[in-house]
């Protein structure tokens, strides 16, 4: 999903166990028992992954507003992160918002 012009909506997979430890989110994939440790920036994205908020908006609210980073750089890094986590089945990426 490399379309940089389209909106991306991310949601957390139901096939994981997640727990916040300090400022890091620990996530275990139920699919293959892989363990992931998300730093504070990635944890903020994970926690905001509601399936209805566009990724760019999540980055602006959860990353740019709290960390010293340029919006375009933060968004590119976020896309790379969510694509990697989606590849492991941790996050889901969609072109349309989730329906409630």
PDB file of N, CA and C in Angstrom:
ATOM      1  N   UNK A   1       0.852  -1.170   0.000  1.00  0.00           N
ATOM      2  CA  UNK A   1       0.000   0.000   0.000  1.00  0.00           C
ATOM      3  C   UNK A   1       0.895   1.229   0.000  1.00  0.00           C
ATOM      4  N   UNK A   2       1.515   1.515  -1.120  1.00  0.00           N
ATOM      5  CA  UNK A   2       2.466   2.609  -1.215  1.00  0.00           C
ATOM      6  C   UNK A   2       1.882   3.880  -1.791  1.00  0.00           C
ATOM      7  N   UNK A   3       0.574   3.988  -1.913  1.00  0.00           N
ATOM      8  CA  UNK A   3      -0.060   5.173  -2.459  1.00  0.00           C
ATOM      9  C   UNK A   3       0.057   6.317  -1.456  1.00  0.00           C
ATOM     10  N   UNK A   4       0.956   7.253  -1.729  1.00  0.00           N
ATOM     11  CA  UNK A   4       1.183   8.344  -0.774  1.00  0.00           C
ATOM     12  C   UNK A   4       0.104   9.412  -0.857  1.00  0.00           C
ATOM     13  N   UNK A   5      -0.736   9.384  -1.897  1.00  0.00           N
ATOM     14  CA  UNK A   5      -1.775  10.397  -2.019  1.00  0.00           C
ATOM     15  C   UNK A   5      -3.081   9.958  -1.379  1.00  0.00           C
ATOM     16  N   UNK A   6      -3.332   8.674  -1.303  1.00  0.00           N
ATOM     17  CA  UNK A   6      -4.573   8.185  -0.725  1.00  0.00           C
ATOM     18  C   UNK A   6      -4.501   8.140   0.786  1.00  0.00           C
ATOM     19  N   UNK A   7      -5.665   8.127   1.400  1.00  0.00           N
ATOM     20  CA  UNK A   7      -5.702   8.036   2.854  1.00  0.00           C
ATOM     21  C   UNK A   7      -5.487   6.596   3.283  1.00  0.00           C
ATOM     22  N   UNK A   8      -4.867   6.443   4.432  1.00  0.00           N
ATOM     23  CA  UNK A   8      -4.655   5.134   5.030  1.00  0.00           C
ATOM     24  C   UNK A   8      -5.343   5.137   6.388  1.00  0.00           C
ATOM     25  N   UNK A   9      -6.056   4.078   6.663  1.00  0.00           N
ATOM     26  CA  UNK A   9      -6.718   3.905   7.954  1.00  0.00           C
ATOM     27  C   UNK A   9      -6.133   2.649   8.568  1.00  0.00           C
ATOM     28  N   UNK A  10      -5.724   2.751   9.822  1.00  0.00           N
ATOM     29  CA  UNK A  10      -5.112   1.593  10.463  1.00  0.00           C
ATOM     30  C   UNK A  10      -5.940   1.162  11.663  1.00  0.00           C
ATOM     31  N   UNK A  11      -5.942  -0.140  11.858  1.00  0.00           N
ATOM     32  CA  UNK A  11      -6.625  -0.698  13.027  1.00  0.00           C
ATOM     33  C   UNK A  11      -5.771  -1.817  13.585  1.00  0.00           C
ATOM     34  N   UNK A  12      -5.953  -2.086  14.859  1.00  0.00           N
ATOM     35  CA  UNK A  12      -5.195  -3.147  15.519  1.00  0.00           C
ATOM     36  C   UNK A  12      -5.804  -4.498  15.169  1.00  0.00           C
ATOM     37  N   UNK A  13      -4.957  -5.475  14.975  1.00  0.00           N
ATOM     38  CA  UNK A  13      -5.412  -6.832  14.737  1.00  0.00           C
ATOM     39  C   UNK A  13      -6.004  -7.401  16.018  1.00  0.00           C
ATOM     40  N   UNK A  14      -6.987  -8.259  15.871  1.00  0.00           N
ATOM     41  CA  UNK A  14      -7.569  -8.924  17.037  1.00  0.00           C
ATOM     42  C   UNK A  14      -6.727 -10.150  17.436  1.00  0.00           C
ATOM     43  N   UNK A  15      -5.768 -10.524  16.577  1.00  0.00           N
ATOM     44  CA  UNK A  15      -4.960 -11.721  16.820  1.00  0.00           C
ATOM     45  C   UNK A  15      -3.658 -11.391  17.541  1.00  0.00           C
ATOM     46  N   UNK A  16      -3.735 -10.493  18.522  1.00  0.00           N
ATOM     47  CA  UNK A  16      -2.555 -10.109  19.290  1.00  0.00           C
ATOM     48  C   UNK A  16      -2.915  -9.952  20.761  1.00  0.00           C
ATOM     49  N   UNK A  17      -1.893 -10.036  21.582  1.00  0.00           N
ATOM     50  CA  UNK A  17      -2.021  -9.680  22.998  1.00  0.00           C
ATOM     51  C   UNK A  17      -1.103  -8.482  23.191  1.00  0.00           C
ATOM     52  N   UNK A  18      -1.600  -7.426  23.828  1.00  0.00           N
ATOM     53  CA  UNK A  18      -0.809  -6.203  23.984  1.00  0.00           C
ATOM     54  C   UNK A  18      -0.891  -5.703  25.413  1.00  0.00           C
ATOM     55  N   UNK A  19       0.237  -5.179  25.885  1.00  0.00           N
ATOM     56  CA  UNK A  19       0.297  -4.629  27.235  1.00  0.00           C
ATOM     57  C   UNK A  19       1.306  -3.493  27.240  1.00  0.00           C
ATOM     58  N   UNK A  20       0.936  -2.394  27.890  1.00  0.00           N
ATOM     59  CA  UNK A  20       1.825  -1.245  28.037  1.00  0.00           C
ATOM     60  C   UNK A  20       2.751  -1.501  29.222  1.00  0.00           C
ATOM     61  N   UNK A  21       4.047  -1.390  29.002  1.00  0.00           N
ATOM     62  CA  UNK A  21       5.047  -1.530  30.060  1.00  0.00           C
ATOM     63  C   UNK A  21       5.889  -0.264  30.060  1.00  0.00           C
ATOM     64  N   UNK A  22       5.657   0.581  31.034  1.00  0.00           N
ATOM     65  CA  UNK A  22       6.340   1.871  31.052  1.00  0.00           C
ATOM     66  C   UNK A  22       5.843   2.700  29.890  1.00  0.00           C
ATOM     67  N   UNK A  23       6.759   3.135  29.027  1.00  0.00           N
ATOM     68  CA  UNK A  23       6.384   3.918  27.851  1.00  0.00           C
ATOM     69  C   UNK A  23       6.366   3.080  26.587  1.00  0.00           C
ATOM     70  N   UNK A  24       6.584   1.765  26.710  1.00  0.00           N
ATOM     71  CA  UNK A  24       6.621   0.896  25.538  1.00  0.00           C
ATOM     72  C   UNK A  24       5.447  -0.070  25.537  1.00  0.00           C
ATOM     73  N   UNK A  25       4.962  -0.366  24.347  1.00  0.00           N
ATOM     74  CA  UNK A  25       3.890  -1.329  24.170  1.00  0.00           C
ATOM     75  C   UNK A  25       4.519  -2.661  23.771  1.00  0.00           C
ATOM     76  N   UNK A  26       4.195  -3.694  24.513  1.00  0.00           N
ATOM     77  CA  UNK A  26       4.648  -5.043  24.174  1.00  0.00           C
ATOM     78  C   UNK A  26       3.483  -5.744  23.485  1.00  0.00           C
ATOM     79  N   UNK A  27       3.749  -6.302  22.317  1.00  0.00           N
ATOM     80  CA  UNK A  27       2.707  -6.963  21.535  1.00  0.00           C
ATOM     81  C   UNK A  27       3.187  -8.342  21.150  1.00  0.00           C
ATOM     82  N   UNK A  28       2.331  -9.338  21.372  1.00  0.00           N
ATOM     83  CA  UNK A  28       2.646 -10.697  20.946  1.00  0.00           C
ATOM     84  C   UNK A  28       1.620 -11.128  19.904  1.00  0.00           C
ATOM     85  N   UNK A  29       2.118 -11.588  18.794  1.00  0.00           N
ATOM     86  CA  UNK A  29       1.251 -12.093  17.739  1.00  0.00           C
ATOM     87  C   UNK A  29       0.769 -13.486  18.119  1.00  0.00           C
ATOM     88  N   UNK A  30      -0.530 -13.671  18.126  1.00  0.00           N
ATOM     89  CA  UNK A  30      -1.086 -14.992  18.418  1.00  0.00           C
ATOM     90  C   UNK A  30      -0.782 -15.949  17.271  1.00  0.00           C
ATOM     91  N   UNK A  31      -0.646 -15.393  16.063  1.00  0.00           N
ATOM     92  CA  UNK A  31      -0.398 -16.185  14.857  1.00  0.00           C
ATOM     93  C   UNK A  31       0.905 -16.970  14.936  1.00  0.00           C
ATOM     94  N   UNK A  32       2.000 -16.310  15.353  1.00  0.00           N
ATOM     95  CA  UNK A  32       3.294 -16.990  15.358  1.00  0.00           C
ATOM     96  C   UNK A  32       4.097 -16.766  16.639  1.00  0.00           C
ATOM     97  N   UNK A  33       3.475 -16.210  17.676  1.00  0.00           N
ATOM     98  CA  UNK A  33       4.111 -15.941  18.970  1.00  0.00           C
ATOM     99  C   UNK A  33       5.269 -14.956  18.882  1.00  0.00           C
ATOM    100  N   UNK A  34       5.374 -14.209  17.792  1.00  0.00           N
ATOM    101  CA  UNK A  34       6.427 -13.194  17.682  1.00  0.00           C
ATOM    102  C   UNK A  34       6.125 -12.078  18.677  1.00  0.00           C
ATOM    103  N   UNK A  35       7.174 -11.556  19.293  1.00  0.00           N
ATOM    104  CA  UNK A  35       7.035 -10.501  20.291  1.00  0.00           C
ATOM    105  C   UNK A  35       7.602  -9.203  19.732  1.00  0.00           C
ATOM    106  N   UNK A  36       6.862  -8.121  19.889  1.00  0.00           N
ATOM    107  CA  UNK A  36       7.266  -6.815  19.397  1.00  0.00           C
ATOM    108  C   UNK A  36       7.277  -5.843  20.556  1.00  0.00           C
ATOM    109  N   UNK A  37       8.290  -4.999  20.598  1.00  0.00           N
ATOM    110  CA  UNK A  37       8.380  -3.931  21.601  1.00  0.00           C
ATOM    111  C   UNK A  37       8.332  -2.616  20.842  1.00  0.00           C
ATOM    112  N   UNK A  38       7.272  -1.844  21.057  1.00  0.00           N
ATOM    113  CA  UNK A  38       7.109  -0.578  20.354  1.00  0.00           C
ATOM    114  C   UNK A  38       7.601   0.569  21.225  1.00  0.00           C
ATOM    115  N   UNK A  39       8.439   1.419  20.647  1.00  0.00           N
ATOM    116  CA  UNK A  39       8.934   2.581  21.375  1.00  0.00           C
ATOM    117  C   UNK A  39       7.781   3.564  21.602  1.00  0.00           C
ATOM    118  N   UNK A  40       8.013   4.645  22.344  1.00  0.00           N
ATOM    119  CA  UNK A  40       6.911   5.575  22.636  1.00  0.00           C
ATOM    120  C   UNK A  40       6.201   6.127  21.389  1.00  0.00           C
ATOM    121  N   UNK A  41       6.949   6.417  20.333  1.00  0.00           N
ATOM    122  CA  UNK A  41       6.343   6.929  19.114  1.00  0.00           C
ATOM    123  C   UNK A  41       5.448   5.879  18.463  1.00  0.00           C
ATOM    124  N   UNK A  42       5.969   4.680  18.297  1.00  0.00           N
ATOM    125  CA  UNK A  42       5.183   3.596  17.702  1.00  0.00           C
ATOM    126  C   UNK A  42       4.005   3.221  18.601  1.00  0.00           C
ATOM    127  N   UNK A  43       4.196   3.299  19.913  1.00  0.00           N
ATOM    128  CA  UNK A  43       3.109   3.008  20.856  1.00  0.00           C
ATOM    129  C   UNK A  43       1.967   3.999  20.684  1.00  0.00           C
ATOM    130  N   UNK A  44       2.302   5.277  20.459  1.00  0.00           N
ATOM    131  CA  UNK A  44       1.272   6.301  20.256  1.00  0.00           C
ATOM    132  C   UNK A  44       0.455   5.996  19.007  1.00  0.00           C
ATOM    133  N   UNK A  45       1.115   5.555  17.950  1.00  0.00           N
ATOM    134  CA  UNK A  45       0.409   5.185  16.721  1.00  0.00           C
ATOM    135  C   UNK A  45      -0.471   3.966  16.977  1.00  0.00           C
ATOM    136  N   UNK A  46       0.066   2.965  17.647  1.00  0.00           N
ATOM    137  CA  UNK A  46      -0.685   1.748  17.963  1.00  0.00           C
ATOM    138  C   UNK A  46      -1.967   2.088  18.739  1.00  0.00           C
ATOM    139  N   UNK A  47      -1.816   2.904  19.769  1.00  0.00           N
ATOM    140  CA  UNK A  47      -2.958   3.224  20.621  1.00  0.00           C
ATOM    141  C   UNK A  47      -4.020   4.027  19.872  1.00  0.00           C
ATOM    142  N   UNK A  48      -3.619   4.811  18.876  1.00  0.00           N
ATOM    143  CA  UNK A  48      -4.572   5.625  18.121  1.00  0.00           C
ATOM    144  C   UNK A  48      -5.169   4.890  16.922  1.00  0.00           C
ATOM    145  N   UNK A  49      -4.717   3.677  16.657  1.00  0.00           N
ATOM    146  CA  UNK A  49      -5.165   2.911  15.485  1.00  0.00           C
ATOM    147  C   UNK A  49      -6.595   2.423  15.688  1.00  0.00           C
ATOM    148  N   UNK A  50      -7.553   3.292  15.341  1.00  0.00           N
ATOM    149  CA  UNK A  50      -8.965   2.969  15.582  1.00  0.00           C
ATOM    150  C   UNK A  50      -9.724   2.543  14.323  1.00  0.00           C
ATOM    151  N   UNK A  51      -9.061   2.579  13.182  1.00  0.00           N
ATOM    152  CA  UNK A  51      -9.702   2.163  11.939  1.00  0.00           C
ATOM    153  C   UNK A  51     -10.543   3.244  11.284  1.00  0.00           C
ATOM    154  N   UNK A  52     -10.753   4.367  11.948  1.00  0.00           N
ATOM    155  CA  UNK A  52     -11.581   5.437  11.377  1.00  0.00           C
ATOM    156  C   UNK A  52     -10.848   6.773  11.243  1.00  0.00           C
ATOM    157  N   UNK A  53      -9.759   6.936  11.959  1.00  0.00           N
ATOM    158  CA  UNK A  53      -8.967   8.160  11.875  1.00  0.00           C
ATOM    159  C   UNK A  53      -7.865   7.956  10.836  1.00  0.00           C
ATOM    160  N   UNK A  54      -7.752   8.849   9.853  1.00  0.00           N
ATOM    161  CA  UNK A  54      -6.684   8.694   8.856  1.00  0.00           C
ATOM    162  C   UNK A  54      -5.304   8.708   9.524  1.00  0.00           C
ATOM    163  N   UNK A  55      -4.387   7.919   8.987  1.00  0.00           N
ATOM    164  CA  UNK A  55      -3.042   7.835   9.551  1.00  0.00           C
ATOM    165  C   UNK A  55      -2.387   9.213   9.626  1.00  0.00           C
ATOM    166  N   UNK A  56      -2.553  10.030   8.606  1.00  0.00           N
ATOM    167  CA  UNK A  56      -1.924  11.356   8.636  1.00  0.00           C
ATOM    168  C   UNK A  56      -2.427  12.165   9.832  1.00  0.00           C
ATOM    169  N   UNK A  57      -3.700  12.061  10.153  1.00  0.00           N
ATOM    170  CA  UNK A  57      -4.261  12.773  11.308  1.00  0.00           C
ATOM    171  C   UNK A  57      -3.711  12.200  12.618  1.00  0.00           C
ATOM    172  N   UNK A  58      -3.564  10.885  12.686  1.00  0.00           N
ATOM    173  CA  UNK A  58      -2.970  10.252  13.872  1.00  0.00           C
ATOM    174  C   UNK A  58      -1.554  10.783  14.077  1.00  0.00           C
ATOM    175  N   UNK A  59      -0.789  10.845  12.998  1.00  0.00           N
ATOM    176  CA  UNK A  59       0.593  11.325  13.082  1.00  0.00           C
ATOM    177  C   UNK A  59       0.622  12.773  13.566  1.00  0.00           C
ATOM    178  N   UNK A  60      -0.264  13.605  13.027  1.00  0.00           N
ATOM    179  CA  UNK A  60      -0.279  15.013  13.437  1.00  0.00           C
ATOM    180  C   UNK A  60      -0.631  15.161  14.912  1.00  0.00           C
ATOM    181  N   UNK A  61      -1.610  14.396  15.384  1.00  0.00           N
ATOM    182  CA  UNK A  61      -2.064  14.519  16.781  1.00  0.00           C
ATOM    183  C   UNK A  61      -1.153  13.811  17.772  1.00  0.00           C
ATOM    184  N   UNK A  62      -0.724  12.588  17.433  1.00  0.00           N
ATOM    185  CA  UNK A  62       0.006  11.762  18.402  1.00  0.00           C
ATOM    186  C   UNK A  62       1.523  11.875  18.299  1.00  0.00           C
ATOM    187  N   UNK A  63       2.034  12.292  17.138  1.00  0.00           N
ATOM    188  CA  UNK A  63       3.488  12.338  16.967  1.00  0.00           C
ATOM    189  C   UNK A  63       3.987  13.784  16.856  1.00  0.00           C
ATOM    190  N   UNK A  64       3.533  14.506  15.842  1.00  0.00           N
ATOM    191  CA  UNK A  64       4.038  15.860  15.592  1.00  0.00           C
ATOM    192  C   UNK A  64       3.756  16.778  16.773  1.00  0.00           C
ATOM    193  N   UNK A  65       2.603  16.628  17.397  1.00  0.00           N
ATOM    194  CA  UNK A  65       2.241  17.494  18.522  1.00  0.00           C
ATOM    195  C   UNK A  65       3.063  17.218  19.783  1.00  0.00           C
ATOM    196  N   UNK A  66       3.694  16.028  19.862  1.00  0.00           N
ATOM    197  CA  UNK A  66       4.402  15.654  21.092  1.00  0.00           C
ATOM    198  C   UNK A  66       5.900  15.407  20.915  1.00  0.00           C
ATOM    199  N   UNK A  67       6.344  15.260  19.681  1.00  0.00           N
ATOM    200  CA  UNK A  67       7.761  14.986  19.422  1.00  0.00           C
ATOM    201  C   UNK A  67       8.280  16.031  18.443  1.00  0.00           C
ATOM    202  N   UNK A  68       9.550  16.312  18.520  1.00  0.00           N
ATOM    203  CA  UNK A  68      10.149  17.303  17.633  1.00  0.00           C
ATOM    204  C   UNK A  68      10.493  16.640  16.302  1.00  0.00           C
ATOM    205  N   UNK A  69       9.547  16.712  15.358  1.00  0.00           N
ATOM    206  CA  UNK A  69       9.733  16.074  14.054  1.00  0.00           C
ATOM    207  C   UNK A  69       8.880  16.800  13.021  1.00  0.00           C
ATOM    208  N   UNK A  70       9.383  16.852  11.802  1.00  0.00           N
ATOM    209  CA  UNK A  70       8.646  17.474  10.695  1.00  0.00           C
ATOM    210  C   UNK A  70       7.465  16.572  10.315  1.00  0.00           C
ATOM    211  N   UNK A  71       6.304  17.147  10.011  1.00  0.00           N
ATOM    212  CA  UNK A  71       5.118  16.352   9.683  1.00  0.00           C
ATOM    213  C   UNK A  71       5.325  15.350   8.540  1.00  0.00           C
ATOM    214  N   UNK A  72       5.970  15.772   7.442  1.00  0.00           N
ATOM    215  CA  UNK A  72       6.154  14.858   6.310  1.00  0.00           C
ATOM    216  C   UNK A  72       7.096  13.711   6.665  1.00  0.00           C
ATOM    217  N   UNK A  73       8.141  14.009   7.417  1.00  0.00           N
ATOM    218  CA  UNK A  73       9.070  12.962   7.859  1.00  0.00           C
ATOM    219  C   UNK A  73       8.359  11.999   8.797  1.00  0.00           C
ATOM    220  N   UNK A  74       7.592  12.534   9.730  1.00  0.00           N
ATOM    221  CA  UNK A  74       6.861  11.684  10.674  1.00  0.00           C
ATOM    222  C   UNK A  74       5.878  10.791   9.941  1.00  0.00           C
ATOM    223  N   UNK A  75       5.196  11.331   8.931  1.00  0.00           N
ATOM    224  CA  UNK A  75       4.219  10.533   8.186  1.00  0.00           C
ATOM    225  C   UNK A  75       4.908   9.418   7.401  1.00  0.00           C
ATOM    226  N   UNK A  76       6.009   9.753   6.726  1.00  0.00           N
ATOM    227  CA  UNK A  76       6.748   8.714   5.970  1.00  0.00           C
ATOM    228  C   UNK A  76       7.220   7.600   6.902  1.00  0.00           C
ATOM    229  N   UNK A  77       7.751   7.977   8.057  1.00  0.00           N
ATOM    230  CA  UNK A  77       8.205   6.975   9.024  1.00  0.00           C
ATOM    231  C   UNK A  77       7.030   6.146   9.536  1.00  0.00           C
ATOM    232  N   UNK A  78       5.888   6.791   9.754  1.00  0.00           N
ATOM    233  CA  UNK A  78       4.700   6.085  10.246  1.00  0.00           C
ATOM    234  C   UNK A  78       4.195   5.083   9.212  1.00  0.00           C
ATOM    235  N   UNK A  79       4.198   5.477   7.949  1.00  0.00           N
ATOM    236  CA  UNK A  79       3.765   4.559   6.881  1.00  0.00           C
ATOM    237  C   UNK A  79       4.678   3.332   6.859  1.00  0.00           C
ATOM    238  N   UNK A  80       5.974   3.567   6.951  1.00  0.00           N
ATOM    239  CA  UNK A  80       6.936   2.457   6.963  1.00  0.00           C
ATOM    240  C   UNK A  80       6.673   1.534   8.155  1.00  0.00           C
ATOM    241  N   UNK A  81       6.431   2.120   9.323  1.00  0.00           N
ATOM    242  CA  UNK A  81       6.158   1.342  10.528  1.00  0.00           C
ATOM    243  C   UNK A  81       4.879   0.524  10.390  1.00  0.00           C
ATOM    244  N   UNK A  82       3.783   1.164   9.985  1.00  0.00           N
ATOM    245  CA  UNK A  82       2.515   0.432   9.932  1.00  0.00           C
ATOM    246  C   UNK A  82       2.535  -0.641   8.850  1.00  0.00           C
ATOM    247  N   UNK A  83       3.248  -0.390   7.753  1.00  0.00           N
ATOM    248  CA  UNK A  83       3.364  -1.428   6.720  1.00  0.00           C
ATOM    249  C   UNK A  83       4.149  -2.623   7.247  1.00  0.00           C
ATOM    250  N   UNK A  84       5.203  -2.365   8.021  1.00  0.00           N
ATOM    251  CA  UNK A  84       5.979  -3.460   8.614  1.00  0.00           C
ATOM    252  C   UNK A  84       5.126  -4.243   9.606  1.00  0.00           C
ATOM    253  N   UNK A  85       4.384  -3.537  10.465  1.00  0.00           N
ATOM    254  CA  UNK A  85       3.532  -4.224  11.445  1.00  0.00           C
ATOM    255  C   UNK A  85       2.383  -4.958  10.767  1.00  0.00           C
ATOM    256  N   UNK A  86       1.859  -4.391   9.688  1.00  0.00           N
ATOM    257  CA  UNK A  86       0.803  -5.082   8.934  1.00  0.00           C
ATOM    258  C   UNK A  86       1.346  -6.366   8.315  1.00  0.00           C
ATOM    259  N   UNK A  87       2.594  -6.333   7.890  1.00  0.00           N
ATOM    260  CA  UNK A  87       3.225  -7.524   7.328  1.00  0.00           C
ATOM    261  C   UNK A  87       3.336  -8.655   8.333  1.00  0.00           C
ATOM    262  N   UNK A  88       3.360  -8.317   9.608  1.00  0.00           N
ATOM    263  CA  UNK A  88       3.420  -9.314  10.675  1.00  0.00           C
ATOM    264  C   UNK A  88       2.032  -9.627  11.239  1.00  0.00           C
ATOM    265  N   UNK A  89       0.993  -9.016  10.666  1.00  0.00           N
ATOM    266  CA  UNK A  89      -0.366  -9.265  11.142  1.00  0.00           C
ATOM    267  C   UNK A  89      -0.723  -8.531  12.419  1.00  0.00           C
ATOM    268  N   UNK A  90       0.058  -7.518  12.783  1.00  0.00           N
ATOM    269  CA  UNK A  90      -0.163  -6.767  14.022  1.00  0.00           C
ATOM    270  C   UNK A  90      -1.158  -5.630  13.803  1.00  0.00           C
ATOM    271  N   UNK A  91      -1.058  -4.976  12.653  1.00  0.00           N
ATOM    272  CA  UNK A  91      -1.978  -3.908  12.270  1.00  0.00           C
ATOM    273  C   UNK A  91      -2.631  -4.266  10.947  1.00  0.00           C
ATOM    274  N   UNK A  92      -3.776  -3.642  10.690  1.00  0.00           N
ATOM    275  CA  UNK A  92      -4.452  -3.766   9.400  1.00  0.00           C
ATOM    276  C   UNK A  92      -4.478  -2.380   8.773  1.00  0.00           C
ATOM    277  N   UNK A  93      -4.240  -2.310   7.459  1.00  0.00           N
ATOM    278  CA  UNK A  93      -4.277  -1.044   6.727  1.00  0.00           C
ATOM    279  C   UNK A  93      -5.412  -1.119   5.714  1.00  0.00           C
ATOM    280  N   UNK A  94      -6.205  -0.060   5.650  1.00  0.00           N
ATOM    281  CA  UNK A  94      -7.315  -0.003   4.690  1.00  0.00           C
ATOM    282  C   UNK A  94      -7.333   1.360   4.020  1.00  0.00           C
ATOM    283  N   UNK A  95      -7.920   1.412   2.825  1.00  0.00           N
ATOM    284  CA  UNK A  95      -8.057   2.668   2.090  1.00  0.00           C
ATOM    285  C   UNK A  95      -9.325   3.409   2.507  1.00  0.00           C
ATOM    286  N   UNK A  96     -10.222   2.732   3.190  1.00  0.00           N
ATOM    287  CA  UNK A  96     -11.485   3.311   3.642  1.00  0.00           C
ATOM    288  C   UNK A  96     -11.596   3.139   5.158  1.00  0.00           C
ATOM    289  N   UNK A  97     -12.306   4.031   5.838  1.00  0.00           N
ATOM    290  CA  UNK A  97     -12.482   3.867   7.287  1.00  0.00           C
ATOM    291  C   UNK A  97     -13.335   2.632   7.598  1.00  0.00           C
ATOM    292  N   UNK A  98     -13.077   2.056   8.749  1.00  0.00           N
ATOM    293  CA  UNK A  98     -13.853   0.890   9.200  1.00  0.00           C
ATOM    294  C   UNK A  98     -15.277   1.322   9.466  1.00  0.00           C
ATOM    295  N   UNK A  99     -16.180   0.428   9.250  1.00  0.00           N
ATOM    296  CA  UNK A  99     -17.596   0.702   9.539  1.00  0.00           C
ATOM    297  C   UNK A  99     -17.913   0.181  10.932  1.00  0.00           C
ATOM    298  N   UNK A 100     -18.719   0.950  11.664  1.00  0.00           N
ATOM    299  CA  UNK A 100     -19.040   0.533  13.030  1.00  0.00           C
ATOM    300  C   UNK A 100     -20.241  -0.365  13.082  1.00  0.00           C
TER     301      UNK A 100
END
